[in-house]
Amino acid sequence: MKKIAILPLRKNSKGIPSKNKKKMLGRPLFSWALSEAAFSNLDEVVVFTDDTSIVDYINKEYYWNPKIKVLIRNAENATDTALTESVLLEFATQVSNDFDVLCLLQATSPLTTAADINAVLDKVEKEGFDSAITVVKTHRFTWNADGTPQNYDVFNRPRRQDFDGLLVENGAVYATTKAAFLQSKNRVSGKIGLIEMEEASYTEIDSTTDWEIVEQLLANRLQKNKTHQRIDYLVLDVDGVFTNGGVYYGAEGEMMKYFDMRDGMGLEIIRQQQVEVIIMTSENSELVGQRMKKLQIENCFLGVKDKYAFLTQFLKDKKATLGQVAYVGDDVNDLANICSVGWSFCPANGTEIVKRHADYVLTNPSAEGAIREVCEVIMKYNKRY
């Protein structure tokens, strides 16, 4: 069965301006659901948008995953009043109904995981449901507008542990067979299966306060899921890690960056300890490329904006896990990896938000022995293995 997902994105958002592109833990909001979909059992994941900047971003950032595609949606289906079902119908027409299962994902549900998506798909593909949705269980007591209770007896208030609670749609993942969709023209119909997600996924992002809550929930979950293994991979940002974060510019552009020779020696020593060194930077700098060539570092990835998704794919190719990784970063675009890897480090002069989330704040600043210090810590840590 061909399983295809649509991730609809609109250019404009009134509650939180440019919400879909706003950085959550250093990544555009939509990229959280997108990368989980990319590593799920879906065959294709299509970003359906009217925003050309997102089109450019997708084509540039996700070239490494052939599952991820992008299509332009019509302007009339990208307004505040456009119904999601009309967007789905437009999308189905654009892809000539070339799917057996159609999955709808929401960018505003960053707590969605590949496991959640797979569970919904399994309801349809393996368990024979016509469609499926994600829900959360809430232990809230609900009321009618006339002051009457909906789901409990006010004279016999149940304890939480005795109350089954309510299943509430959280809007994260929907799936339907093609036959059911073409007949009903609705995201779900027929025999509908339910998949429970964690209650935190019910939080809607309609304000900056909501945003802060969900961002903290996401960081907490990544950190809770950390595992610690022998460090086999050391992943390094460049600006603010190798360098002091500054750069000399001339009329012809970037001219000079300052690197600490002691860092280079530390990396040479740690590679002798069978720790693979990977460079991952959002900048596309010729100077950085030359320096890494001098250091004989083969895995040097320049111009990587979504470092979390790229690292996930890199480790998948290596058949390795995040628990085998040490990561050194200094700014917000490193946050997702800082919260996820086995051990994360921030130079002494890194940004405060990264220091708050890193496992280890170094005593040395960047370009003044920070990387050498990391190498020493890893070598001591790896001795136990």
Protein backbone atom coordinates (compact mmCIF):
# COMPACT_ATOMS: atom_id res chain seq x y z
CA MET A 1 0.00 0.00 0.00
CA LYS A 2 1.28 3.45 -0.91
CA LYS A 3 1.10 5.67 2.17
CA ILE A 4 1.40 9.38 1.50
CA ALA A 5 1.18 12.31 3.94
CA ILE A 6 0.31 15.93 3.48
CA LEU A 7 1.68 18.63 5.78
CA PRO A 8 -0.29 21.79 4.91
CA LEU A 9 1.43 25.11 5.65
CA ARG A 10 0.05 28.61 5.16
CA LYS A 11 2.22 31.66 4.64
CA ASN A 12 0.26 33.89 6.99
CA SER A 13 -0.69 33.33 10.60
CA LYS A 14 -2.52 35.89 12.71
CA GLY A 15 -2.19 34.44 16.22
CA ILE A 16 1.59 34.11 16.07
CA PRO A 17 3.07 35.83 12.97
CA SER A 18 4.85 33.36 10.61
CA LYS A 19 4.15 30.63 13.18
CA ASN A 20 5.05 27.72 10.93
CA LYS A 21 8.56 29.12 10.35
CA LYS A 22 9.18 30.42 13.87
CA LYS A 23 12.04 28.59 15.59
CA MET A 24 11.12 26.10 18.30
CA LEU A 25 14.27 24.77 19.99
CA GLY A 26 16.18 26.27 17.09
CA ARG A 27 14.18 24.54 14.34
CA PRO A 28 11.23 25.86 12.27
CA LEU A 29 8.03 24.65 13.92
CA PHE A 30 6.95 22.62 10.89
CA SER A 31 10.23 20.69 10.79
CA TRP A 32 9.39 18.75 13.98
CA ALA A 33 6.41 16.97 12.42
CA LEU A 34 8.13 16.81 9.03
CA SER A 35 11.26 15.00 10.17
CA GLU A 36 9.28 12.54 12.29
CA ALA A 37 7.18 11.76 9.22
CA ALA A 38 10.35 11.34 7.16
CA PHE A 39 11.57 8.64 9.56
CA SER A 40 8.18 6.92 9.79
CA ASN A 41 6.68 4.16 7.61
CA LEU A 42 5.20 6.70 5.22
CA ASP A 43 6.29 6.34 1.59
CA GLU A 44 6.03 10.06 0.78
CA VAL A 45 5.68 13.24 2.83
CA VAL A 46 4.51 16.29 0.91
CA VAL A 47 4.68 19.82 2.27
CA PHE A 48 1.71 21.62 0.71
CA THR A 49 2.24 25.37 0.92
CA ASP A 50 1.78 28.79 -0.67
CA ASP A 51 5.01 30.08 0.88
CA THR A 52 7.89 30.16 -1.62
CA SER A 53 10.46 30.60 1.15
CA ILE A 54 9.37 27.26 2.61
CA VAL A 55 9.62 25.69 -0.85
CA ASP A 56 13.21 26.91 -1.11
CA TYR A 57 14.01 25.70 2.41
CA ILE A 58 12.60 22.22 1.79
CA ASN A 59 14.46 21.79 -1.50
CA LYS A 60 17.74 22.90 0.06
CA GLU A 61 17.56 21.29 3.50
CA TYR A 62 16.00 17.89 2.86
CA TYR A 63 17.73 16.78 -0.34
CA TRP A 64 19.08 13.78 1.60
CA ASN A 65 15.62 12.24 2.07
CA PRO A 66 13.79 11.35 -1.18
CA LYS A 67 10.54 10.87 0.78
CA ILE A 68 10.19 14.61 1.34
CA LYS A 69 8.59 16.62 -1.46
CA VAL A 70 6.88 20.00 -1.79
CA LEU A 71 3.88 21.19 -3.79
CA ILE A 72 2.28 24.62 -4.20
CA ARG A 73 -1.28 24.99 -2.95
CA ASN A 74 -3.80 27.40 -4.46
CA ALA A 75 -4.21 30.83 -2.88
CA GLU A 76 -7.94 30.29 -2.25
CA ASN A 77 -7.10 27.25 -0.13
CA ALA A 78 -4.53 29.15 1.92
CA THR A 79 -6.84 31.67 3.60
CA ASP A 80 -8.06 31.86 7.19
CA THR A 81 -11.46 30.54 6.11
CA ALA A 82 -10.29 27.65 3.92
CA LEU A 83 -11.44 24.26 5.16
CA THR A 84 -8.87 21.53 5.67
CA GLU A 85 -11.06 19.13 3.67
CA SER A 86 -10.89 21.44 0.65
CA VAL A 87 -7.09 21.47 0.99
CA LEU A 88 -7.07 17.66 1.07
CA LEU A 89 -9.25 17.46 -2.02
CA GLU A 90 -6.98 19.88 -3.89
CA PHE A 91 -3.95 17.89 -2.86
CA ALA A 92 -5.50 14.57 -3.90
CA THR A 93 -6.26 16.06 -7.31
CA GLN A 94 -2.70 17.35 -7.70
CA VAL A 95 -1.25 13.89 -7.00
CA SER A 96 -3.93 12.23 -9.19
CA ASN A 97 -5.18 10.21 -6.19
CA ASP A 98 -1.96 8.20 -6.36
CA PHE A 99 -2.13 6.73 -2.86
CA ASP A 100 -3.76 3.93 -0.94
CA VAL A 101 -3.63 5.69 2.42
CA LEU A 102 -3.76 9.47 2.85
CA CYS A 103 -2.32 10.87 6.07
CA LEU A 104 -2.87 14.42 7.33
CA LEU A 105 -0.23 15.88 9.64
CA GLN A 106 -0.30 19.20 11.48
CA ALA A 107 2.74 21.48 11.78
CA THR A 108 1.37 22.84 15.04
CA SER A 109 1.79 19.43 16.69
CA PRO A 110 5.57 19.28 17.30
CA LEU A 111 5.19 16.53 19.91
CA THR A 112 4.11 14.07 17.22
CA THR A 113 6.56 11.18 16.84
CA ALA A 114 7.25 8.67 14.08
CA ALA A 115 5.82 6.01 16.43
CA ASP A 116 2.52 7.93 16.65
CA ILE A 117 2.33 8.17 12.86
CA ASN A 118 3.13 4.49 12.44
CA ALA A 119 0.47 3.51 14.97
CA VAL A 120 -2.18 5.46 13.05
CA LEU A 121 -1.06 3.92 9.75
CA ASP A 122 -1.20 0.42 11.28
CA LYS A 123 -4.83 0.95 12.30
CA VAL A 124 -5.71 1.41 8.64
CA GLU A 125 -3.19 -0.84 6.93
CA LYS A 126 -3.06 -3.80 9.32
CA GLU A 127 -6.18 -3.66 11.47
CA GLY A 128 -8.75 -2.97 8.78
CA PHE A 129 -10.06 0.42 9.89
CA ASP A 130 -11.26 2.84 7.20
CA SER A 131 -9.56 5.72 8.98
CA ALA A 132 -7.80 6.61 12.22
CA ILE A 133 -7.04 9.63 14.37
CA THR A 134 -4.88 10.54 17.35
CA VAL A 135 -6.50 11.39 20.67
CA VAL A 136 -5.45 12.14 24.23
CA LYS A 137 -7.08 11.06 27.46
CA THR A 138 -8.05 13.91 29.71
CA HIS A 139 -9.49 13.68 33.22
CA ARG A 140 -11.46 16.91 33.00
CA PHE A 141 -15.04 17.38 34.10
CA THR A 142 -17.09 19.05 31.36
CA TRP A 143 -20.22 21.18 31.64
CA ASN A 144 -23.06 22.40 29.48
CA ALA A 145 -23.75 26.11 29.06
CA ASP A 146 -26.92 25.73 31.14
CA GLY A 147 -24.90 24.69 34.20
CA THR A 148 -25.47 20.95 34.00
CA PRO A 149 -22.56 18.49 34.10
CA GLN A 150 -21.85 16.42 31.01
CA ASN A 151 -19.75 13.55 32.25
CA TYR A 152 -20.12 13.08 36.01
CA ASP A 153 -22.49 13.25 38.96
CA VAL A 154 -21.78 16.33 41.10
CA PHE A 155 -22.98 14.39 44.17
CA ASN A 156 -20.65 11.50 43.45
CA ARG A 157 -17.43 13.13 42.22
CA PRO A 158 -15.04 10.33 41.21
CA ARG A 159 -11.39 10.30 42.19
CA ARG A 160 -8.95 10.68 39.30
CA GLN A 161 -7.78 7.07 39.63
CA ASP A 162 -11.40 5.88 39.43
CA PHE A 163 -12.34 8.10 36.47
CA ASP A 164 -11.85 6.70 32.97
CA GLY A 165 -11.56 10.21 31.59
CA LEU A 166 -12.44 11.47 28.13
CA LEU A 167 -10.78 10.82 24.80
CA VAL A 168 -10.27 14.14 23.02
CA GLU A 169 -9.07 14.65 19.46
CA ASN A 170 -5.69 16.42 19.51
CA GLY A 171 -5.48 17.19 15.79
CA ALA A 172 -1.99 15.73 15.29
CA VAL A 173 -2.39 12.78 12.87
CA TYR A 174 -5.24 11.54 10.66
CA ALA A 175 -5.24 8.73 8.12
CA THR A 176 -7.83 7.37 5.71
CA THR A 177 -8.01 4.86 2.91
CA LYS A 178 -8.42 6.27 -0.58
CA ALA A 179 -11.80 4.57 -0.98
CA ALA A 180 -13.17 6.10 2.23
CA PHE A 181 -11.78 9.55 1.39
CA LEU A 182 -13.13 9.64 -2.17
CA GLN A 183 -16.54 8.54 -0.97
CA SER A 184 -16.85 10.82 2.07
CA LYS A 185 -14.53 13.66 1.00
CA ASN A 186 -13.60 13.89 4.66
CA ARG A 187 -10.37 13.27 6.58
CA VAL A 188 -11.98 10.43 8.54
CA SER A 189 -15.03 8.28 7.86
CA GLY A 190 -16.33 4.73 8.08
CA LYS A 191 -14.88 2.58 10.83
CA ILE A 192 -12.53 4.92 12.75
CA GLY A 193 -9.62 3.73 14.89
CA LEU A 194 -8.16 5.71 17.79
CA ILE A 195 -4.51 6.10 18.80
CA GLU A 196 -3.71 7.65 22.18
CA MET A 197 -0.88 10.18 22.40
CA GLU A 198 0.60 11.73 25.53
CA GLU A 199 -1.66 14.27 27.20
CA ALA A 200 0.90 17.05 26.66
CA SER A 201 0.23 16.84 22.91
CA TYR A 202 -3.21 18.38 23.49
CA THR A 203 -1.69 21.83 24.13
CA GLU A 204 -2.60 24.14 21.24
CA ILE A 205 -0.18 26.82 20.05
CA ASP A 206 -2.31 29.95 19.76
CA SER A 207 -0.24 32.43 21.79
CA THR A 208 3.34 33.12 22.82
CA THR A 209 2.55 31.58 26.22
CA ASP A 210 1.39 28.37 24.52
CA TRP A 211 4.58 28.43 22.48
CA GLU A 212 6.80 28.64 25.55
CA ILE A 213 4.91 25.80 27.25
CA VAL A 214 5.16 23.46 24.26
CA GLU A 215 8.82 24.33 23.68
CA GLN A 216 9.65 23.41 27.28
CA LEU A 217 7.60 20.21 27.03
CA LEU A 218 9.52 19.28 23.89
CA ALA A 219 12.91 20.00 25.50
CA ASN A 220 11.93 17.98 28.58
CA ARG A 221 10.92 14.98 26.49
CA LEU A 222 14.14 15.02 24.45
CA GLN A 223 16.23 15.22 27.61
CA LYS A 224 14.19 12.51 29.33
CA ASN A 225 14.83 10.17 26.38
CA LYS A 226 18.60 10.63 26.50
CA THR A 227 20.72 7.49 26.72
CA HIS A 228 24.39 7.24 27.63
CA GLN A 229 26.73 4.92 25.75
CA ARG A 230 30.36 4.98 24.74
CA ILE A 231 30.98 8.17 22.75
CA ASP A 232 31.79 7.12 19.18
CA TYR A 233 30.94 10.41 17.46
CA LEU A 234 31.93 13.97 18.34
CA VAL A 235 29.78 16.50 16.46
CA LEU A 236 31.00 20.10 16.41
CA ASP A 237 29.49 23.39 15.36
CA VAL A 238 32.07 25.87 14.00
CA ASP A 239 31.27 29.53 14.70
CA GLY A 240 31.29 30.01 18.46
CA VAL A 241 32.87 26.56 18.99
CA PHE A 242 35.99 26.34 16.84
CA THR A 243 36.06 30.14 16.52
CA ASN A 244 35.22 32.96 18.92
CA GLY A 245 32.08 33.69 16.90
CA GLY A 246 33.65 36.62 15.09
CA VAL A 247 34.78 36.95 11.49
CA TYR A 248 36.84 39.46 9.53
CA TYR A 249 35.10 40.80 6.45
CA GLY A 250 36.58 42.76 3.58
CA ALA A 251 35.28 44.13 0.30
CA GLU A 252 35.40 40.63 -1.18
CA GLY A 253 33.54 39.03 1.73
CA GLU A 254 34.75 36.67 4.46
CA MET A 255 38.51 36.98 4.92
CA MET A 256 39.65 35.40 8.18
CA LYS A 257 38.53 33.26 11.13
CA TYR A 258 40.60 32.52 14.22
CA PHE A 259 41.17 28.87 15.20
CA ASP A 260 43.00 27.48 18.25
CA MET A 261 45.81 25.06 17.34
CA ARG A 262 45.30 23.18 20.64
CA ASP A 263 41.82 22.21 19.50
CA GLY A 264 43.29 20.63 16.39
CA MET A 265 45.69 18.56 18.48
CA GLY A 266 42.87 17.46 20.77
CA LEU A 267 40.86 16.25 17.78
CA GLU A 268 43.83 14.36 16.41
CA ILE A 269 44.28 12.59 19.75
CA ILE A 270 40.60 11.72 20.15
CA ARG A 271 40.41 10.25 16.66
CA GLN A 272 43.21 7.93 17.70
CA GLN A 273 40.79 6.76 20.40
CA GLN A 274 38.31 5.66 17.67
CA VAL A 275 36.01 8.65 18.09
CA GLU A 276 34.78 9.91 14.71
CA VAL A 277 34.72 13.71 14.36
CA ILE A 278 31.89 15.37 12.43
CA ILE A 279 31.62 19.06 11.57
CA MET A 280 28.11 20.44 11.16
CA THR A 281 27.60 24.16 10.58
CA SER A 282 24.83 26.30 9.14
CA GLU A 283 27.39 28.51 7.39
CA ASN A 284 28.76 27.66 3.95
CA SER A 285 32.28 28.94 4.46
CA GLU A 286 35.22 28.18 2.19
CA LEU A 287 37.57 29.06 5.06
CA VAL A 288 35.96 26.43 7.27
CA GLY A 289 36.23 23.85 4.51
CA GLN A 290 39.94 24.60 4.13
CA ARG A 291 40.56 24.38 7.88
CA MET A 292 38.80 21.02 8.19
CA LYS A 293 40.70 19.69 5.21
CA LYS A 294 43.90 20.72 7.00
CA LEU A 295 42.70 18.83 10.09
CA GLN A 296 41.90 15.81 7.86
CA ILE A 297 38.28 15.74 9.00
CA GLU A 298 36.34 14.00 6.24
CA ASN A 299 32.82 14.43 7.59
CA CYS A 300 32.48 18.19 7.17
CA PHE A 301 28.91 19.29 6.43
CA LEU A 302 28.48 22.97 5.53
CA GLY A 303 25.26 24.94 5.12
CA VAL A 304 23.14 22.63 7.33
CA LYS A 305 20.21 24.58 8.76
CA ASP A 306 18.22 21.68 10.23
CA LYS A 307 21.00 20.04 12.20
CA TYR A 308 18.69 17.74 14.16
CA ALA A 309 17.16 16.08 11.09
CA PHE A 310 20.54 15.87 9.35
CA LEU A 311 22.18 14.26 12.38
CA THR A 312 19.31 11.79 12.73
CA GLN A 313 19.78 10.70 9.11
CA PHE A 314 23.57 10.54 9.51
CA LEU A 315 23.23 8.23 12.51
CA LYS A 316 20.62 6.11 10.75
CA ASP A 317 23.07 5.56 7.90
CA LYS A 318 25.75 4.62 10.43
CA LYS A 319 23.34 2.34 12.33
CA ALA A 320 24.21 4.37 15.43
CA THR A 321 22.18 6.14 18.12
CA LEU A 322 22.07 9.58 19.69
CA GLY A 323 23.43 8.02 22.87
CA GLN A 324 26.76 7.47 21.11
CA VAL A 325 27.11 11.17 20.30
CA ALA A 326 28.78 14.08 22.04
CA TYR A 327 27.72 17.44 20.63
CA VAL A 328 29.26 20.88 21.09
CA GLY A 329 27.15 23.94 20.24
CA ASP A 330 26.74 27.51 21.36
CA ASP A 331 23.54 28.97 19.91
CA VAL A 332 19.84 28.33 19.40
CA ASN A 333 20.22 26.37 16.16
CA ASP A 334 22.08 23.74 18.20
CA LEU A 335 19.37 23.37 20.86
CA ALA A 336 17.55 20.32 19.49
CA ASN A 337 20.79 18.34 19.31
CA ILE A 338 21.98 19.71 22.66
CA CYS A 339 18.81 18.32 24.26
CA SER A 340 18.97 14.94 22.49
CA VAL A 341 22.49 13.50 22.34
CA GLY A 342 24.19 11.37 24.95
CA TRP A 343 26.39 14.23 26.16
CA SER A 344 26.15 17.87 25.15
CA PHE A 345 28.65 20.67 25.76
CA CYS A 346 28.56 24.45 25.56
CA PRO A 347 31.64 26.71 25.59
CA ALA A 348 32.00 29.12 28.50
CA ASN A 349 31.08 32.02 26.20
CA GLY A 350 28.05 30.31 24.63
CA THR A 351 24.55 31.77 24.76
CA GLU A 352 22.68 31.51 28.04
CA ILE A 353 19.82 29.45 26.60
CA VAL A 354 22.25 26.77 25.40
CA LYS A 355 24.07 26.79 28.73
CA ARG A 356 20.74 26.09 30.46
CA HIS A 357 20.10 23.01 28.34
CA ALA A 358 23.62 21.60 27.91
CA ASP A 359 24.81 18.71 30.07
CA TYR A 360 28.23 20.30 30.53
CA VAL A 361 29.23 23.98 30.42
CA LEU A 362 32.94 24.12 29.63
CA THR A 363 35.39 26.18 31.65
CA ASN A 364 37.14 27.37 28.47
CA PRO A 365 35.65 29.75 25.90
CA SER A 366 35.47 28.91 22.23
CA ALA A 367 38.75 29.35 20.30
CA GLU A 368 40.53 29.22 23.67
CA GLY A 369 40.73 25.50 24.35
CA ALA A 370 37.01 24.60 24.55
CA ILE A 371 37.27 21.75 22.06
CA ARG A 372 40.48 20.47 23.66
CA GLU A 373 38.63 20.39 26.99
CA VAL A 374 35.78 18.39 25.42
CA CYS A 375 38.27 15.88 24.04
CA GLU A 376 39.79 15.38 27.48
CA VAL A 377 36.36 14.87 29.07
CA ILE A 378 35.31 12.32 26.43
CA MET A 379 38.54 10.35 26.73
CA LYS A 380 38.10 10.08 30.50
CA TYR A 381 34.44 9.15 30.09
CA ASN A 382 35.17 6.47 27.47
CA LYS A 383 37.66 4.70 29.72
CA ARG A 384 34.77 3.00 31.52
CA TYR A 385 33.90 1.25 28.27
